[in-house]
Amino acid sequence: MNKDRKWQITLTEEQLQVMIAAVEDWHRFVSGQCSMDYATSYIDNPERMHDTRDVLDNEVKPLMFPELDRCASYGWCGGQPNPHLSKAAAISYMLYREARHQLTLAEPDKGYNVYRTETLTCDEQGPMIKVELIEKKGGSNGN
């Protein structure tokens, strides 16, 4: 792996929204919040959705994080005893949070929104990612 190489991804807003939600789910999972709220929200049957979240919270979480109490989790910047999980948590926080921050700033101000505030940073994350609007096409799909 070359840590100094930089990459660029171009997404539609819909694709960006899905990526943000998926990375946030995974960030929360590796931080001890294992219910995968975004992914499980697509389960058509509410009872099955809640059952799935219960399995993730009550069976998977104790296997992944036996050191955590039932309602406990690690912070946004990591802290897990496993250094790989800790770094992945810190980086994945920055990925989803900064993308959501920039997406929020691109919308007209609709009052207070926590995502209007700057993304928190820590040394584990490396340099801040760059997310910018490259094409303004109101209401179209970009084609």
N, C-alpha and C. Protein backbone atom coordinates (compact mmCIF):
# COMPACT_ATOMS: atom_id res chain seq x y z
N MET A 1 0.86 -1.18 0.00
CA MET A 1 0.00 0.00 0.00
C MET A 1 0.90 1.24 0.00
N ASN A 2 0.57 2.17 -0.87
CA ASN A 2 1.28 3.43 -0.93
C ASN A 2 0.42 4.49 -0.25
N LYS A 3 0.78 4.86 0.97
CA LYS A 3 -0.03 5.79 1.76
C LYS A 3 -0.03 7.21 1.20
N ASP A 4 0.88 7.53 0.29
CA ASP A 4 0.96 8.89 -0.24
C ASP A 4 0.17 9.10 -1.53
N ARG A 5 -0.26 8.02 -2.19
CA ARG A 5 -1.06 8.19 -3.41
C ARG A 5 -2.44 8.71 -3.07
N LYS A 6 -2.99 9.54 -3.95
CA LYS A 6 -4.34 10.09 -3.74
C LYS A 6 -5.23 9.62 -4.88
N TRP A 7 -6.52 9.42 -4.54
CA TRP A 7 -7.52 8.94 -5.48
C TRP A 7 -8.70 9.88 -5.49
N GLN A 8 -9.42 9.89 -6.59
CA GLN A 8 -10.63 10.71 -6.69
C GLN A 8 -11.79 9.81 -7.12
N ILE A 9 -12.95 9.99 -6.50
CA ILE A 9 -14.16 9.25 -6.84
C ILE A 9 -15.22 10.27 -7.22
N THR A 10 -15.90 10.05 -8.31
CA THR A 10 -17.00 10.92 -8.72
C THR A 10 -18.30 10.15 -8.55
N LEU A 11 -19.22 10.72 -7.79
CA LEU A 11 -20.49 10.07 -7.48
C LEU A 11 -21.65 10.99 -7.76
N THR A 12 -22.82 10.41 -8.03
CA THR A 12 -24.04 11.20 -8.03
C THR A 12 -24.39 11.44 -6.56
N GLU A 13 -25.31 12.36 -6.31
CA GLU A 13 -25.70 12.61 -4.93
C GLU A 13 -26.35 11.37 -4.31
N GLU A 14 -27.15 10.65 -5.09
CA GLU A 14 -27.76 9.42 -4.57
C GLU A 14 -26.68 8.41 -4.19
N GLN A 15 -25.67 8.25 -5.03
CA GLN A 15 -24.58 7.32 -4.71
C GLN A 15 -23.81 7.79 -3.48
N LEU A 16 -23.60 9.10 -3.37
CA LEU A 16 -22.92 9.64 -2.19
C LEU A 16 -23.71 9.36 -0.93
N GLN A 17 -25.02 9.54 -0.98
CA GLN A 17 -25.87 9.27 0.19
C GLN A 17 -25.77 7.81 0.62
N VAL A 18 -25.79 6.89 -0.33
CA VAL A 18 -25.67 5.46 -0.01
C VAL A 18 -24.29 5.17 0.58
N MET A 19 -23.25 5.74 -0.01
CA MET A 19 -21.91 5.52 0.50
C MET A 19 -21.77 6.05 1.93
N ILE A 20 -22.29 7.24 2.18
CA ILE A 20 -22.23 7.83 3.52
C ILE A 20 -22.91 6.89 4.53
N ALA A 21 -24.12 6.46 4.21
CA ALA A 21 -24.87 5.60 5.13
C ALA A 21 -24.15 4.27 5.36
N ALA A 22 -23.60 3.70 4.30
CA ALA A 22 -22.90 2.41 4.43
C ALA A 22 -21.64 2.56 5.29
N VAL A 23 -20.88 3.60 5.07
CA VAL A 23 -19.66 3.81 5.85
C VAL A 23 -20.00 4.15 7.30
N GLU A 24 -21.08 4.92 7.50
CA GLU A 24 -21.49 5.21 8.88
C GLU A 24 -21.91 3.93 9.60
N ASP A 25 -22.68 3.07 8.92
CA ASP A 25 -23.07 1.77 9.51
C ASP A 25 -21.83 0.99 9.92
N TRP A 26 -20.88 0.90 9.02
CA TRP A 26 -19.68 0.12 9.29
C TRP A 26 -18.86 0.76 10.41
N HIS A 27 -18.74 2.10 10.38
CA HIS A 27 -18.02 2.81 11.46
C HIS A 27 -18.65 2.48 12.81
N ARG A 28 -19.97 2.58 12.87
CA ARG A 28 -20.65 2.30 14.13
C ARG A 28 -20.47 0.83 14.54
N PHE A 29 -20.50 -0.06 13.55
CA PHE A 29 -20.30 -1.49 13.84
C PHE A 29 -18.93 -1.73 14.47
N VAL A 30 -17.85 -1.20 13.85
CA VAL A 30 -16.51 -1.43 14.40
C VAL A 30 -16.26 -0.63 15.66
N SER A 31 -17.19 0.27 16.02
CA SER A 31 -17.10 1.02 17.27
C SER A 31 -17.96 0.40 18.38
N GLY A 32 -18.62 -0.71 18.07
CA GLY A 32 -19.40 -1.40 19.09
C GLY A 32 -20.89 -1.16 19.03
N GLN A 33 -21.36 -0.37 18.08
CA GLN A 33 -22.80 -0.17 17.87
C GLN A 33 -23.18 -1.06 16.68
N CYS A 34 -23.44 -2.30 16.95
CA CYS A 34 -23.48 -3.34 15.92
C CYS A 34 -24.80 -3.53 15.19
N SER A 35 -25.82 -2.75 15.46
CA SER A 35 -27.15 -3.04 14.90
C SER A 35 -27.29 -2.74 13.41
N MET A 36 -26.31 -2.09 12.79
CA MET A 36 -26.34 -1.81 11.34
C MET A 36 -27.68 -1.18 10.94
N ASP A 37 -28.02 -0.07 11.57
CA ASP A 37 -29.33 0.56 11.39
C ASP A 37 -29.68 0.85 9.93
N TYR A 38 -28.73 1.34 9.15
CA TYR A 38 -29.03 1.66 7.76
C TYR A 38 -29.31 0.39 6.97
N ALA A 39 -28.42 -0.57 7.05
CA ALA A 39 -28.58 -1.81 6.28
C ALA A 39 -29.85 -2.55 6.69
N THR A 40 -30.12 -2.64 7.97
CA THR A 40 -31.29 -3.38 8.43
C THR A 40 -32.60 -2.62 8.19
N SER A 41 -32.52 -1.32 7.95
CA SER A 41 -33.75 -0.55 7.70
C SER A 41 -34.44 -0.97 6.40
N TYR A 42 -33.74 -1.67 5.53
CA TYR A 42 -34.33 -2.13 4.27
C TYR A 42 -35.08 -3.45 4.40
N ILE A 43 -35.04 -4.07 5.55
CA ILE A 43 -35.79 -5.31 5.75
C ILE A 43 -37.27 -4.96 5.78
N ASP A 44 -38.03 -5.55 4.87
CA ASP A 44 -39.45 -5.19 4.69
C ASP A 44 -40.32 -5.46 5.91
N ASN A 45 -40.02 -6.50 6.63
CA ASN A 45 -40.84 -6.90 7.76
C ASN A 45 -40.26 -6.26 9.04
N PRO A 46 -41.00 -5.35 9.69
CA PRO A 46 -40.49 -4.67 10.88
C PRO A 46 -40.06 -5.63 11.99
N GLU A 47 -40.82 -6.71 12.17
CA GLU A 47 -40.46 -7.68 13.21
C GLU A 47 -39.12 -8.33 12.89
N ARG A 48 -38.93 -8.70 11.63
CA ARG A 48 -37.65 -9.30 11.22
C ARG A 48 -36.51 -8.30 11.33
N MET A 49 -36.79 -7.03 11.01
CA MET A 49 -35.78 -5.98 11.13
C MET A 49 -35.31 -5.89 12.59
N HIS A 50 -36.27 -5.82 13.52
CA HIS A 50 -35.92 -5.70 14.94
C HIS A 50 -35.23 -6.97 15.44
N ASP A 51 -35.67 -8.13 14.97
CA ASP A 51 -35.01 -9.40 15.35
C ASP A 51 -33.56 -9.42 14.87
N THR A 52 -33.34 -8.94 13.66
CA THR A 52 -31.98 -8.89 13.11
C THR A 52 -31.11 -7.96 13.95
N ARG A 53 -31.63 -6.81 14.28
CA ARG A 53 -30.87 -5.86 15.12
C ARG A 53 -30.59 -6.46 16.50
N ASP A 54 -31.56 -7.18 17.04
CA ASP A 54 -31.35 -7.83 18.34
C ASP A 54 -30.22 -8.85 18.27
N VAL A 55 -30.19 -9.64 17.19
CA VAL A 55 -29.11 -10.62 17.03
C VAL A 55 -27.76 -9.91 16.93
N LEU A 56 -27.71 -8.84 16.14
CA LEU A 56 -26.46 -8.09 16.00
C LEU A 56 -26.02 -7.49 17.34
N ASP A 57 -26.96 -6.92 18.08
CA ASP A 57 -26.63 -6.28 19.36
C ASP A 57 -26.35 -7.27 20.48
N ASN A 58 -27.10 -8.38 20.51
CA ASN A 58 -27.04 -9.29 21.66
C ASN A 58 -26.21 -10.55 21.43
N GLU A 59 -25.91 -10.87 20.18
CA GLU A 59 -25.10 -12.06 19.90
C GLU A 59 -23.79 -11.72 19.20
N VAL A 60 -23.84 -10.85 18.20
CA VAL A 60 -22.63 -10.50 17.45
C VAL A 60 -21.75 -9.56 18.27
N LYS A 61 -22.33 -8.52 18.84
CA LYS A 61 -21.53 -7.54 19.61
C LYS A 61 -20.72 -8.21 20.73
N PRO A 62 -21.31 -9.11 21.53
CA PRO A 62 -20.50 -9.74 22.58
C PRO A 62 -19.33 -10.58 22.04
N LEU A 63 -19.49 -11.11 20.83
CA LEU A 63 -18.39 -11.85 20.21
C LEU A 63 -17.30 -10.91 19.71
N MET A 64 -17.72 -9.81 19.10
CA MET A 64 -16.78 -8.82 18.56
C MET A 64 -16.09 -8.02 19.67
N PHE A 65 -16.87 -7.64 20.66
CA PHE A 65 -16.38 -6.73 21.70
C PHE A 65 -16.77 -7.23 23.09
N PRO A 66 -16.19 -8.36 23.54
CA PRO A 66 -16.58 -8.91 24.84
C PRO A 66 -16.26 -7.95 26.00
N GLU A 67 -15.36 -7.02 25.77
CA GLU A 67 -14.97 -6.07 26.81
C GLU A 67 -15.99 -4.95 27.02
N LEU A 68 -16.93 -4.78 26.08
CA LEU A 68 -17.91 -3.70 26.19
C LEU A 68 -19.18 -4.16 26.89
N ASP A 69 -19.73 -3.30 27.73
CA ASP A 69 -21.04 -3.56 28.31
C ASP A 69 -22.10 -3.44 27.21
N ARG A 70 -23.29 -3.90 27.50
CA ARG A 70 -24.37 -3.96 26.51
C ARG A 70 -24.60 -2.64 25.76
N CYS A 71 -24.66 -1.53 26.45
CA CYS A 71 -24.95 -0.25 25.79
C CYS A 71 -23.70 0.60 25.54
N ALA A 72 -22.53 0.06 25.77
CA ALA A 72 -21.29 0.81 25.60
C ALA A 72 -20.75 0.69 24.18
N SER A 73 -19.99 1.68 23.78
CA SER A 73 -19.30 1.64 22.49
C SER A 73 -18.03 2.48 22.61
N TYR A 74 -17.19 2.38 21.59
CA TYR A 74 -15.98 3.19 21.55
C TYR A 74 -16.30 4.54 20.92
N GLY A 75 -15.39 5.48 21.09
CA GLY A 75 -15.60 6.83 20.57
C GLY A 75 -15.40 6.92 19.07
N TRP A 76 -15.73 8.07 18.53
CA TRP A 76 -15.62 8.32 17.10
C TRP A 76 -14.19 8.14 16.60
N CYS A 77 -13.22 8.37 17.47
CA CYS A 77 -11.81 8.33 17.05
C CYS A 77 -11.12 7.03 17.42
N GLY A 78 -11.89 5.99 17.71
CA GLY A 78 -11.30 4.69 18.00
C GLY A 78 -11.22 4.43 19.48
N GLY A 79 -10.12 3.80 19.89
CA GLY A 79 -9.94 3.43 21.29
C GLY A 79 -10.05 1.94 21.52
N GLN A 80 -10.38 1.18 20.47
CA GLN A 80 -10.47 -0.27 20.61
C GLN A 80 -9.10 -0.85 20.95
N PRO A 81 -9.08 -1.96 21.70
CA PRO A 81 -7.80 -2.60 22.02
C PRO A 81 -7.09 -3.11 20.75
N ASN A 82 -7.85 -3.47 19.74
CA ASN A 82 -7.27 -3.91 18.47
C ASN A 82 -6.89 -2.65 17.68
N PRO A 83 -5.60 -2.42 17.43
CA PRO A 83 -5.20 -1.18 16.76
C PRO A 83 -5.74 -1.05 15.33
N HIS A 84 -5.96 -2.16 14.66
CA HIS A 84 -6.50 -2.10 13.30
C HIS A 84 -7.96 -1.63 13.31
N LEU A 85 -8.76 -2.16 14.24
CA LEU A 85 -10.15 -1.71 14.38
C LEU A 85 -10.20 -0.25 14.82
N SER A 86 -9.31 0.12 15.71
CA SER A 86 -9.29 1.49 16.22
C SER A 86 -9.00 2.48 15.09
N LYS A 87 -8.00 2.18 14.28
CA LYS A 87 -7.66 3.07 13.16
C LYS A 87 -8.79 3.07 12.12
N ALA A 88 -9.36 1.91 11.83
CA ALA A 88 -10.47 1.83 10.87
C ALA A 88 -11.65 2.66 11.36
N ALA A 89 -11.92 2.65 12.66
CA ALA A 89 -13.02 3.45 13.21
C ALA A 89 -12.74 4.94 13.04
N ALA A 90 -11.53 5.37 13.34
CA ALA A 90 -11.19 6.79 13.21
C ALA A 90 -11.29 7.25 11.76
N ILE A 91 -10.77 6.46 10.85
CA ILE A 91 -10.80 6.84 9.43
C ILE A 91 -12.23 6.81 8.89
N SER A 92 -12.98 5.76 9.23
CA SER A 92 -14.34 5.66 8.70
C SER A 92 -15.23 6.77 9.25
N TYR A 93 -14.98 7.23 10.47
CA TYR A 93 -15.72 8.39 10.99
C TYR A 93 -15.49 9.59 10.08
N MET A 94 -14.21 9.87 9.80
CA MET A 94 -13.89 11.02 8.96
C MET A 94 -14.53 10.88 7.57
N LEU A 95 -14.51 9.68 7.01
CA LEU A 95 -15.06 9.48 5.66
C LEU A 95 -16.55 9.83 5.60
N TYR A 96 -17.34 9.23 6.50
CA TYR A 96 -18.78 9.49 6.41
C TYR A 96 -19.13 10.88 6.91
N ARG A 97 -18.46 11.33 7.97
CA ARG A 97 -18.85 12.59 8.60
C ARG A 97 -18.50 13.79 7.73
N GLU A 98 -17.32 13.78 7.12
CA GLU A 98 -16.95 14.91 6.28
C GLU A 98 -17.80 14.93 5.00
N ALA A 99 -18.11 13.78 4.45
CA ALA A 99 -18.99 13.73 3.28
C ALA A 99 -20.37 14.28 3.63
N ARG A 100 -20.90 13.87 4.78
CA ARG A 100 -22.22 14.37 5.21
C ARG A 100 -22.15 15.88 5.49
N HIS A 101 -21.04 16.34 6.07
CA HIS A 101 -20.84 17.76 6.35
C HIS A 101 -20.89 18.57 5.05
N GLN A 102 -20.15 18.15 4.05
CA GLN A 102 -20.11 18.89 2.78
C GLN A 102 -21.45 18.83 2.06
N LEU A 103 -22.12 17.71 2.12
CA LEU A 103 -23.45 17.58 1.52
C LEU A 103 -24.43 18.54 2.19
N THR A 104 -24.34 18.66 3.50
CA THR A 104 -25.21 19.58 4.24
C THR A 104 -24.92 21.03 3.88
N LEU A 105 -23.64 21.36 3.75
CA LEU A 105 -23.28 22.74 3.41
C LEU A 105 -23.73 23.13 2.00
N ALA A 106 -23.91 22.15 1.13
CA ALA A 106 -24.34 22.42 -0.25
C ALA A 106 -25.83 22.73 -0.33
N GLU A 107 -26.56 22.47 0.73
CA GLU A 107 -28.01 22.72 0.76
C GLU A 107 -28.28 24.09 1.38
N PRO A 108 -29.40 24.71 1.01
CA PRO A 108 -29.76 25.99 1.65
C PRO A 108 -29.89 25.80 3.17
N ASP A 109 -29.51 26.81 3.90
CA ASP A 109 -29.57 26.74 5.37
C ASP A 109 -31.00 26.55 5.82
N LYS A 110 -31.24 25.45 6.53
CA LYS A 110 -32.59 25.15 7.04
C LYS A 110 -32.58 25.15 8.56
N GLY A 111 -31.77 26.02 9.14
CA GLY A 111 -31.68 26.07 10.59
C GLY A 111 -30.55 25.19 11.09
N TYR A 112 -30.56 24.95 12.39
CA TYR A 112 -29.48 24.19 13.00
C TYR A 112 -29.45 22.75 12.48
N ASN A 113 -28.26 22.29 12.18
CA ASN A 113 -28.01 20.92 11.77
C ASN A 113 -26.60 20.59 12.24
N VAL A 114 -26.44 19.55 13.01
CA VAL A 114 -25.14 19.19 13.56
C VAL A 114 -24.09 18.99 12.46
N TYR A 115 -24.53 18.62 11.27
CA TYR A 115 -23.58 18.38 10.19
C TYR A 115 -23.09 19.66 9.54
N ARG A 116 -23.56 20.81 9.97
CA ARG A 116 -23.00 22.09 9.51
C ARG A 116 -21.70 22.40 10.24
N THR A 117 -21.46 21.75 11.36
CA THR A 117 -20.23 21.98 12.11
C THR A 117 -19.08 21.17 11.51
N GLU A 118 -17.87 21.62 11.74
CA GLU A 118 -16.68 20.96 11.21
C GLU A 118 -16.58 19.52 11.71
N THR A 119 -15.99 18.67 10.90
CA THR A 119 -15.73 17.28 11.27
C THR A 119 -14.59 17.21 12.28
N LEU A 120 -14.78 16.44 13.33
CA LEU A 120 -13.73 16.26 14.32
C LEU A 120 -12.56 15.50 13.70
N THR A 121 -11.36 15.78 14.17
CA THR A 121 -10.18 15.12 13.64
C THR A 121 -9.31 14.56 14.76
N CYS A 122 -8.50 13.57 14.41
CA CYS A 122 -7.51 13.01 15.32
C CYS A 122 -6.33 12.52 14.48
N ASP A 123 -5.22 12.24 15.13
CA ASP A 123 -4.01 11.83 14.42
C ASP A 123 -4.18 10.51 13.66
N GLU A 124 -5.02 9.60 14.18
CA GLU A 124 -5.21 8.29 13.55
C GLU A 124 -5.79 8.38 12.14
N GLN A 125 -6.52 9.46 11.85
CA GLN A 125 -7.24 9.56 10.58
C GLN A 125 -6.36 9.86 9.38
N GLY A 126 -5.23 10.47 9.60
CA GLY A 126 -4.45 10.95 8.47
C GLY A 126 -5.04 12.26 7.98
N PRO A 127 -4.66 12.68 6.76
CA PRO A 127 -5.16 13.97 6.27
C PRO A 127 -6.66 13.96 6.00
N MET A 128 -7.28 15.11 6.17
CA MET A 128 -8.71 15.25 5.93
C MET A 128 -9.02 14.96 4.46
N ILE A 129 -10.11 14.25 4.23
CA ILE A 129 -10.54 13.97 2.86
C ILE A 129 -11.10 15.25 2.24
N LYS A 130 -11.18 15.26 0.93
CA LYS A 130 -11.73 16.41 0.21
C LYS A 130 -13.01 15.95 -0.48
N VAL A 131 -14.10 16.60 -0.15
CA VAL A 131 -15.40 16.31 -0.76
C VAL A 131 -15.92 17.64 -1.27
N GLU A 132 -16.18 17.72 -2.57
CA GLU A 132 -16.68 18.97 -3.10
C GLU A 132 -17.71 18.73 -4.20
N LEU A 133 -18.66 19.63 -4.28
CA LEU A 133 -19.68 19.59 -5.32
C LEU A 133 -19.02 20.01 -6.63
N ILE A 134 -19.11 19.17 -7.67
CA ILE A 134 -18.46 19.50 -8.94
C ILE A 134 -19.45 19.86 -10.04
N GLU A 135 -20.72 19.56 -9.82
CA GLU A 135 -21.71 19.79 -10.87
C GLU A 135 -23.05 20.14 -10.23
N LYS A 136 -23.53 21.33 -10.53
CA LYS A 136 -24.84 21.75 -9.99
C LYS A 136 -25.88 21.58 -11.09
N LYS A 137 -26.75 20.60 -10.91
CA LYS A 137 -27.87 20.41 -11.84
C LYS A 137 -29.11 20.20 -10.99
N GLY A 138 -29.82 21.25 -10.75
CA GLY A 138 -30.99 21.20 -9.88
C GLY A 138 -32.03 20.23 -10.37
N GLY A 139 -32.29 19.21 -9.54
CA GLY A 139 -33.39 18.29 -9.80
C GLY A 139 -33.13 17.24 -10.86
N SER A 140 -32.01 17.31 -11.57
CA SER A 140 -31.76 16.29 -12.60
C SER A 140 -30.86 15.20 -12.06
N ASN A 141 -30.72 14.14 -12.79
CA ASN A 141 -29.88 13.03 -12.34
C ASN A 141 -28.46 13.17 -12.82
N GLY A 142 -28.10 14.31 -13.40
CA GLY A 142 -26.74 14.54 -13.82
C GLY A 142 -26.47 14.11 -15.25
N ASN A 143 -27.45 13.56 -15.95
CA ASN A 143 -27.24 13.15 -17.34
C ASN A 143 -27.63 14.25 -18.29
